[in-house]
Amino acid sequence: MGFTVLKPYRRGMVLRYNVVDHVFVDPENAIEFINELKHITPNIDVVQGK
């Protein structure tokens, strides 16, 4: 099964959780969003992609 994305995403981030789950988000302010995630879950890993 596949799907077509009509407009490619150039910004945003993928949040991976559990072993195989993930979700794409595109917050207005990425730094603020990441800082809030770290406040909620201090042991979160932030990895910069390609």
N, C-alpha and C. Protein backbone atom coordinates (compact mmCIF):
# COMPACT_ATOMS: atom_id res chain seq x y z
N MET A 1 0.85 -1.17 0.00
CA MET A 1 0.00 0.00 0.00
C MET A 1 0.89 1.23 0.00
N GLY A 2 0.56 2.21 -0.78
CA GLY A 2 1.32 3.44 -0.84
C GLY A 2 0.41 4.64 -0.86
N PHE A 3 1.00 5.80 -0.81
CA PHE A 3 0.22 7.02 -0.90
C PHE A 3 1.05 8.08 -1.61
N THR A 4 0.39 9.04 -2.18
CA THR A 4 1.05 10.11 -2.91
C THR A 4 0.91 11.41 -2.13
N VAL A 5 2.04 12.08 -1.95
CA VAL A 5 2.03 13.38 -1.31
C VAL A 5 2.07 14.41 -2.43
N LEU A 6 1.06 15.26 -2.49
CA LEU A 6 0.97 16.22 -3.59
C LEU A 6 1.99 17.34 -3.48
N LYS A 7 2.32 17.75 -2.27
CA LYS A 7 3.27 18.83 -2.08
C LYS A 7 4.36 18.33 -1.13
N PRO A 8 5.59 18.26 -1.56
CA PRO A 8 6.63 17.74 -0.66
C PRO A 8 6.87 18.69 0.52
N TYR A 9 7.10 18.11 1.66
CA TYR A 9 7.38 18.90 2.86
C TYR A 9 8.85 19.25 2.90
N ARG A 10 9.16 20.50 3.11
CA ARG A 10 10.53 20.97 3.19
C ARG A 10 10.94 21.29 4.62
N ARG A 11 9.97 21.40 5.52
CA ARG A 11 10.26 21.69 6.91
C ARG A 11 9.38 20.82 7.78
N GLY A 12 9.64 20.85 9.04
CA GLY A 12 8.88 20.03 9.95
C GLY A 12 9.78 18.98 10.57
N MET A 13 9.18 18.09 11.34
CA MET A 13 9.98 17.06 11.99
C MET A 13 9.16 15.81 12.18
N VAL A 14 9.86 14.72 12.30
CA VAL A 14 9.24 13.43 12.55
C VAL A 14 9.52 13.07 14.01
N LEU A 15 8.47 12.81 14.75
CA LEU A 15 8.60 12.37 16.13
C LEU A 15 8.45 10.86 16.16
N ARG A 16 9.49 10.20 16.62
CA ARG A 16 9.46 8.74 16.71
C ARG A 16 9.25 8.35 18.16
N TYR A 17 8.37 7.40 18.39
CA TYR A 17 8.10 6.93 19.74
C TYR A 17 7.79 5.45 19.67
N ASN A 18 7.89 4.79 20.82
CA ASN A 18 7.83 3.33 20.88
C ASN A 18 8.90 2.78 19.95
N VAL A 19 8.66 1.70 19.29
CA VAL A 19 9.68 1.14 18.40
C VAL A 19 9.42 1.49 16.95
N VAL A 20 8.18 1.45 16.53
CA VAL A 20 7.87 1.65 15.12
C VAL A 20 6.90 2.79 14.84
N ASP A 21 6.50 3.53 15.85
CA ASP A 21 5.51 4.58 15.66
C ASP A 21 6.18 5.93 15.41
N HIS A 22 5.56 6.73 14.57
CA HIS A 22 6.07 8.07 14.30
C HIS A 22 4.94 8.96 13.78
N VAL A 23 5.16 10.27 13.93
CA VAL A 23 4.19 11.24 13.46
C VAL A 23 4.95 12.45 12.92
N PHE A 24 4.46 13.06 11.86
CA PHE A 24 5.07 14.25 11.27
C PHE A 24 4.36 15.48 11.83
N VAL A 25 5.15 16.46 12.30
CA VAL A 25 4.59 17.72 12.78
C VAL A 25 5.34 18.87 12.15
N ASP A 26 4.67 19.99 12.01
CA ASP A 26 5.26 21.20 11.44
C ASP A 26 4.86 22.38 12.33
N PRO A 27 5.53 22.51 13.49
CA PRO A 27 5.17 23.59 14.40
C PRO A 27 5.58 24.95 13.86
N GLU A 28 4.89 26.00 14.29
CA GLU A 28 5.25 27.35 13.85
C GLU A 28 6.63 27.75 14.36
N ASN A 29 6.96 27.35 15.59
CA ASN A 29 8.25 27.67 16.16
C ASN A 29 8.89 26.36 16.63
N ALA A 30 9.79 25.81 15.83
CA ALA A 30 10.37 24.50 16.12
C ALA A 30 11.19 24.49 17.40
N ILE A 31 11.98 25.53 17.65
CA ILE A 31 12.81 25.58 18.85
C ILE A 31 11.95 25.59 20.11
N GLU A 32 10.90 26.41 20.11
CA GLU A 32 9.99 26.46 21.25
C GLU A 32 9.29 25.12 21.45
N PHE A 33 8.91 24.48 20.37
CA PHE A 33 8.24 23.18 20.43
C PHE A 33 9.17 22.14 21.04
N ILE A 34 10.41 22.10 20.59
CA ILE A 34 11.39 21.14 21.11
C ILE A 34 11.66 21.41 22.59
N ASN A 35 11.80 22.67 22.96
CA ASN A 35 12.03 23.01 24.36
C ASN A 35 10.86 22.57 25.24
N GLU A 36 9.64 22.71 24.75
CA GLU A 36 8.47 22.27 25.51
C GLU A 36 8.45 20.75 25.64
N LEU A 37 8.81 20.04 24.57
CA LEU A 37 8.91 18.58 24.65
C LEU A 37 9.94 18.16 25.68
N LYS A 38 11.10 18.85 25.71
CA LYS A 38 12.15 18.54 26.67
C LYS A 38 11.70 18.86 28.09
N HIS A 39 10.87 19.88 28.26
CA HIS A 39 10.33 20.22 29.58
C HIS A 39 9.41 19.09 30.08
N ILE A 40 8.60 18.55 29.18
CA ILE A 40 7.67 17.49 29.53
C ILE A 40 8.41 16.16 29.74
N THR A 41 9.33 15.85 28.83
CA THR A 41 10.09 14.60 28.87
C THR A 41 11.58 14.93 28.76
N PRO A 42 12.25 15.13 29.88
CA PRO A 42 13.65 15.58 29.86
C PRO A 42 14.62 14.62 29.16
N ASN A 43 14.32 13.33 29.11
CA ASN A 43 15.26 12.39 28.50
C ASN A 43 15.03 12.18 27.00
N ILE A 44 14.31 13.07 26.36
CA ILE A 44 14.04 12.96 24.92
C ILE A 44 15.32 13.22 24.14
N ASP A 45 15.53 12.48 23.07
CA ASP A 45 16.69 12.67 22.19
C ASP A 45 16.26 13.49 20.98
N VAL A 46 17.02 14.52 20.68
CA VAL A 46 16.77 15.34 19.49
C VAL A 46 17.90 15.06 18.52
N VAL A 47 17.54 14.57 17.34
CA VAL A 47 18.52 14.21 16.32
C VAL A 47 18.21 15.01 15.06
N GLN A 48 19.21 15.69 14.55
CA GLN A 48 19.01 16.47 13.32
C GLN A 48 19.14 15.54 12.12
N GLY A 49 18.17 15.62 11.23
CA GLY A 49 18.18 14.79 10.03
C GLY A 49 18.96 15.43 8.91
N LYS A 50 18.87 14.81 7.77
CA LYS A 50 19.58 15.30 6.57
C LYS A 50 18.88 16.48 5.97
